């Protein structure tokens, strides 16, 4: 079964399962570390307008009438989109949905004038690290990654025009 690609905004109610799923996953993987954090959570760090054109966008992959995956980007700098909120429903992982999200976000960010992508993932998300490396992203950090040392793992990729 194929997925419909829908570009929308952060306040769209269809985005809610993605945000709730990400929150649950972060709490599961990073629990106590998140409670020690000061300042706004990752989900509250950016205003909704940052994820809207002309600087950003928010993608949902819908199968039937269910959200199966999604992701977004914001402006990192004049030529660079920063990918955020990349998520796949846990029971549908290992089906290539995250890769579909990446490919579509890359295409859309290029259509919006960006020539490079920056993104980061958490230090306890080895499957995301593997996805980004297999998708042509360059790691901007040293290996190996210690799952007990809190840090962001940044990547970049130059988009082909």
C-alpha atoms as a PDB file:
ATOM      1  CA  UNK A   1       0.000   0.000   0.000  1.00  0.00           C
ATOM      2  CA  UNK A   2       1.325   3.448  -0.866  1.00  0.00           C
ATOM      3  CA  UNK A   3       1.337   6.599   1.181  1.00  0.00           C
ATOM      4  CA  UNK A   4      -0.103   9.979   0.368  1.00  0.00           C
ATOM      5  CA  UNK A   5       2.298  12.869   0.925  1.00  0.00           C
ATOM      6  CA  UNK A   6       0.643  15.862   2.541  1.00  0.00           C
ATOM      7  CA  UNK A   7       2.321  19.155   3.351  1.00  0.00           C
ATOM      8  CA  UNK A   8       0.597  20.889   6.222  1.00  0.00           C
ATOM      9  CA  UNK A   9       1.269  23.036   9.279  1.00  0.00           C
ATOM     10  CA  UNK A  10       2.207  22.268  12.869  1.00  0.00           C
ATOM     11  CA  UNK A  11      -1.270  23.110  14.175  1.00  0.00           C
ATOM     12  CA  UNK A  12      -2.966  20.549  11.890  1.00  0.00           C
ATOM     13  CA  UNK A  13      -4.644  17.955  14.125  1.00  0.00           C
ATOM     14  CA  UNK A  14      -3.251  15.180  11.916  1.00  0.00           C
ATOM     15  CA  UNK A  15       0.211  16.092  13.288  1.00  0.00           C
ATOM     16  CA  UNK A  16      -0.829  15.214  16.861  1.00  0.00           C
ATOM     17  CA  UNK A  17       0.035  11.473  16.696  1.00  0.00           C
ATOM     18  CA  UNK A  18       3.523  12.348  15.443  1.00  0.00           C
ATOM     19  CA  UNK A  19       4.170  14.785  18.282  1.00  0.00           C
ATOM     20  CA  UNK A  20       2.707  12.405  20.877  1.00  0.00           C
ATOM     21  CA  UNK A  21       4.732   9.516  19.467  1.00  0.00           C
ATOM     22  CA  UNK A  22       7.945  11.533  19.557  1.00  0.00           C
ATOM     23  CA  UNK A  23       7.271  12.618  23.140  1.00  0.00           C
ATOM     24  CA  UNK A  24       6.688   9.033  24.264  1.00  0.00           C
ATOM     25  CA  UNK A  25       9.798   7.828  22.480  1.00  0.00           C
ATOM     26  CA  UNK A  26      12.001  10.555  23.939  1.00  0.00           C
ATOM     27  CA  UNK A  27      10.648   9.850  27.427  1.00  0.00           C
ATOM     28  CA  UNK A  28      11.324   6.140  26.954  1.00  0.00           C
ATOM     29  CA  UNK A  29      14.868   6.596  25.628  1.00  0.00           C
ATOM     30  CA  UNK A  30      15.987   9.625  27.593  1.00  0.00           C
ATOM     31  CA  UNK A  31      13.634   9.678  30.627  1.00  0.00           C
ATOM     32  CA  UNK A  32      15.595  11.098  33.548  1.00  0.00           C
ATOM     33  CA  UNK A  33      17.875  13.139  31.289  1.00  0.00           C
ATOM     34  CA  UNK A  34      14.902  15.056  29.895  1.00  0.00           C
ATOM     35  CA  UNK A  35      13.731  15.888  33.408  1.00  0.00           C
ATOM     36  CA  UNK A  36      17.138  17.453  34.165  1.00  0.00           C
ATOM     37  CA  UNK A  37      16.983  19.704  31.096  1.00  0.00           C
ATOM     38  CA  UNK A  38      16.455  23.396  31.585  1.00  0.00           C
ATOM     39  CA  UNK A  39      14.512  25.556  29.179  1.00  0.00           C
ATOM     40  CA  UNK A  40      11.902  24.552  26.618  1.00  0.00           C
ATOM     41  CA  UNK A  41      11.606  20.983  25.414  1.00  0.00           C
ATOM     42  CA  UNK A  42      12.662  20.171  21.860  1.00  0.00           C
ATOM     43  CA  UNK A  43       9.019  20.159  20.763  1.00  0.00           C
ATOM     44  CA  UNK A  44       8.474  23.645  22.186  1.00  0.00           C
ATOM     45  CA  UNK A  45      11.776  25.186  21.099  1.00  0.00           C
ATOM     46  CA  UNK A  46      10.529  26.628  17.773  1.00  0.00           C
ATOM     47  CA  UNK A  47       7.377  28.586  16.956  1.00  0.00           C
ATOM     48  CA  UNK A  48       4.890  26.854  14.624  1.00  0.00           C
ATOM     49  CA  UNK A  49       5.612  29.468  11.947  1.00  0.00           C
ATOM     50  CA  UNK A  50       9.188  28.174  11.637  1.00  0.00           C
ATOM     51  CA  UNK A  51       7.775  24.988  10.070  1.00  0.00           C
ATOM     52  CA  UNK A  52       5.806  26.844   7.402  1.00  0.00           C
ATOM     53  CA  UNK A  53       6.795  28.193   3.982  1.00  0.00           C
ATOM     54  CA  UNK A  54       8.733  30.097   2.834  1.00  0.00           C
ATOM     55  CA  UNK A  55      11.384  28.991   5.368  1.00  0.00           C
ATOM     56  CA  UNK A  56      10.097  25.573   6.412  1.00  0.00           C
ATOM     57  CA  UNK A  57       7.535  22.873   5.778  1.00  0.00           C
ATOM     58  CA  UNK A  58       5.834  19.941   7.514  1.00  0.00           C
ATOM     59  CA  UNK A  59       5.303  16.612   5.749  1.00  0.00           C
ATOM     60  CA  UNK A  60       2.938  13.803   6.700  1.00  0.00           C
ATOM     61  CA  UNK A  61       2.806  10.364   5.116  1.00  0.00           C
ATOM     62  CA  UNK A  62      -0.762   9.072   5.311  1.00  0.00           C
ATOM     63  CA  UNK A  63      -1.727   5.469   4.567  1.00  0.00           C
ATOM     64  CA  UNK A  64      -5.472   5.106   4.220  1.00  0.00           C
ATOM     65  CA  UNK A  65      -6.582   7.546   6.874  1.00  0.00           C
ATOM     66  CA  UNK A  66      -3.739   6.918   9.333  1.00  0.00           C
ATOM     67  CA  UNK A  67      -0.545   8.883   9.879  1.00  0.00           C
ATOM     68  CA  UNK A  68       2.391   6.501   9.388  1.00  0.00           C
ATOM     69  CA  UNK A  69       5.393   8.853   9.282  1.00  0.00           C
ATOM     70  CA  UNK A  70       6.381  12.462   8.951  1.00  0.00           C
ATOM     71  CA  UNK A  71       9.020  15.092   9.268  1.00  0.00           C
ATOM     72  CA  UNK A  72       9.659  18.776   8.873  1.00  0.00           C
ATOM     73  CA  UNK A  73      12.292  21.372   8.219  1.00  0.00           C
ATOM     74  CA  UNK A  74      13.080  24.894   9.316  1.00  0.00           C
ATOM     75  CA  UNK A  75      15.647  27.435   8.122  1.00  0.00           C
ATOM     76  CA  UNK A  76      19.071  26.731   9.608  1.00  0.00           C
ATOM     77  CA  UNK A  77      20.764  29.490   7.601  1.00  0.00           C
ATOM     78  CA  UNK A  78      20.400  31.147   4.200  1.00  0.00           C
ATOM     79  CA  UNK A  79      21.308  28.008   2.214  1.00  0.00           C
ATOM     80  CA  UNK A  80      20.638  25.239   4.739  1.00  0.00           C
ATOM     81  CA  UNK A  81      17.409  23.543   5.800  1.00  0.00           C
ATOM     82  CA  UNK A  82      17.389  21.875   9.216  1.00  0.00           C
ATOM     83  CA  UNK A  83      15.354  18.684   9.353  1.00  0.00           C
ATOM     84  CA  UNK A  84      13.311  18.138  12.510  1.00  0.00           C
ATOM     85  CA  UNK A  85      10.504  15.906  13.791  1.00  0.00           C
ATOM     86  CA  UNK A  86      11.393  12.890  11.628  1.00  0.00           C
ATOM     87  CA  UNK A  87       9.296  10.045  12.981  1.00  0.00           C
ATOM     88  CA  UNK A  88       7.779   6.724  11.934  1.00  0.00           C
ATOM     89  CA  UNK A  89       5.024   4.938  13.787  1.00  0.00           C
ATOM     90  CA  UNK A  90       6.792   2.236  15.835  1.00  0.00           C
ATOM     91  CA  UNK A  91       4.711  -0.673  14.557  1.00  0.00           C
ATOM     92  CA  UNK A  92       5.523   0.292  10.944  1.00  0.00           C
ATOM     93  CA  UNK A  93       9.280   0.684  11.200  1.00  0.00           C
ATOM     94  CA  UNK A  94      11.712  -1.180   8.928  1.00  0.00           C
ATOM     95  CA  UNK A  95       9.461  -0.567   5.887  1.00  0.00           C
ATOM     96  CA  UNK A  96      11.434   2.315   4.355  1.00  0.00           C
ATOM     97  CA  UNK A  97       9.036   5.026   5.566  1.00  0.00           C
ATOM     98  CA  UNK A  98      11.731   7.164   7.218  1.00  0.00           C
ATOM     99  CA  UNK A  99      13.774   7.027   4.016  1.00  0.00           C
ATOM    100  CA  UNK A 100      10.687   8.172   2.056  1.00  0.00           C
ATOM    101  CA  UNK A 101      10.330  11.084   4.471  1.00  0.00           C
ATOM    102  CA  UNK A 102      14.008  12.027   4.029  1.00  0.00           C
ATOM    103  CA  UNK A 103      13.867  11.853   0.230  1.00  0.00           C
ATOM    104  CA  UNK A 104      10.699  13.947   0.063  1.00  0.00           C
ATOM    105  CA  UNK A 105      11.981  16.532   2.569  1.00  0.00           C
ATOM    106  CA  UNK A 106      15.225  16.815   0.604  1.00  0.00           C
ATOM    107  CA  UNK A 107      13.261  17.412  -2.612  1.00  0.00           C
ATOM    108  CA  UNK A 108      10.957  19.958  -0.979  1.00  0.00           C
ATOM    109  CA  UNK A 109      13.771  21.843   0.726  1.00  0.00           C
ATOM    110  CA  UNK A 110      15.561  22.060  -2.649  1.00  0.00           C
ATOM    111  CA  UNK A 111      12.341  23.367  -4.238  1.00  0.00           C
ATOM    112  CA  UNK A 112      12.275  26.017  -1.519  1.00  0.00           C
ATOM    113  CA  UNK A 113      15.797  27.117  -2.430  1.00  0.00           C
ATOM    114  CA  UNK A 114      18.035  25.247  -0.010  1.00  0.00           C
ATOM    115  CA  UNK A 115      21.242  23.577  -1.201  1.00  0.00           C
ATOM    116  CA  UNK A 116      22.228  21.810   2.018  1.00  0.00           C
ATOM    117  CA  UNK A 117      20.582  19.926   4.891  1.00  0.00           C
ATOM    118  CA  UNK A 118      21.618  19.892   8.522  1.00  0.00           C
ATOM    119  CA  UNK A 119      20.043  17.566  11.078  1.00  0.00           C
ATOM    120  CA  UNK A 120      20.820  16.006  14.411  1.00  0.00           C
ATOM    121  CA  UNK A 121      19.655  13.007  16.340  1.00  0.00           C
ATOM    122  CA  UNK A 122      20.051  11.791  19.877  1.00  0.00           C
ATOM    123  CA  UNK A 123      22.898   9.720  21.241  1.00  0.00           C
ATOM    124  CA  UNK A 124      20.539   6.815  21.983  1.00  0.00           C
ATOM    125  CA  UNK A 125      19.116   6.529  18.471  1.00  0.00           C
ATOM    126  CA  UNK A 126      21.490   4.219  16.574  1.00  0.00           C
ATOM    127  CA  UNK A 127      18.835   3.341  13.995  1.00  0.00           C
ATOM    128  CA  UNK A 128      18.571   7.034  13.059  1.00  0.00           C
ATOM    129  CA  UNK A 129      22.364   7.298  12.819  1.00  0.00           C
ATOM    130  CA  UNK A 130      22.397   4.299  10.469  1.00  0.00           C
ATOM    131  CA  UNK A 131      19.556   5.710   8.357  1.00  0.00           C
ATOM    132  CA  UNK A 132      21.325   9.039   7.878  1.00  0.00           C
ATOM    133  CA  UNK A 133      24.662   7.428   7.037  1.00  0.00           C
ATOM    134  CA  UNK A 134      23.012   5.061   4.515  1.00  0.00           C
ATOM    135  CA  UNK A 135      21.183   8.057   3.012  1.00  0.00           C
ATOM    136  CA  UNK A 136      24.358   9.961   2.139  1.00  0.00           C
ATOM    137  CA  UNK A 137      24.647  12.212   5.188  1.00  0.00           C
ATOM    138  CA  UNK A 138      28.059  13.059   6.622  1.00  0.00           C
ATOM    139  CA  UNK A 139      28.468  12.658  10.374  1.00  0.00           C
ATOM    140  CA  UNK A 140      29.818  15.797  12.031  1.00  0.00           C
ATOM    141  CA  UNK A 141      30.889  13.904  15.151  1.00  0.00           C
ATOM    142  CA  UNK A 142      33.410  11.238  16.106  1.00  0.00           C
ATOM    143  CA  UNK A 143      32.636   7.548  16.468  1.00  0.00           C
ATOM    144  CA  UNK A 144      32.029   5.543  18.575  1.00  0.00           C
ATOM    145  CA  UNK A 145      28.956   7.046  20.210  1.00  0.00           C
ATOM    146  CA  UNK A 146      28.618   6.361  23.910  1.00  0.00           C
ATOM    147  CA  UNK A 147      24.896   5.868  24.731  1.00  0.00           C
ATOM    148  CA  UNK A 148      25.520   7.132  28.260  1.00  0.00           C
ATOM    149  CA  UNK A 149      27.076  10.478  27.303  1.00  0.00           C
ATOM    150  CA  UNK A 150      24.361  13.026  26.469  1.00  0.00           C
ATOM    151  CA  UNK A 151      24.967  14.880  23.215  1.00  0.00           C
ATOM    152  CA  UNK A 152      23.442  15.641  19.869  1.00  0.00           C
ATOM    153  CA  UNK A 153      24.784  13.841  16.829  1.00  0.00           C
ATOM    154  CA  UNK A 154      24.822  16.300  13.886  1.00  0.00           C
ATOM    155  CA  UNK A 155      24.863  15.443  10.177  1.00  0.00           C
ATOM    156  CA  UNK A 156      24.905  17.383   6.916  1.00  0.00           C
ATOM    157  CA  UNK A 157      24.239  16.661   3.271  1.00  0.00           C
ATOM    158  CA  UNK A 158      24.651  18.759   0.160  1.00  0.00           C
ATOM    159  CA  UNK A 159      21.628  18.524  -2.095  1.00  0.00           C
ATOM    160  CA  UNK A 160      22.042  17.712  -5.746  1.00  0.00           C
ATOM    161  CA  UNK A 161      20.470  20.496  -7.858  1.00  0.00           C
END
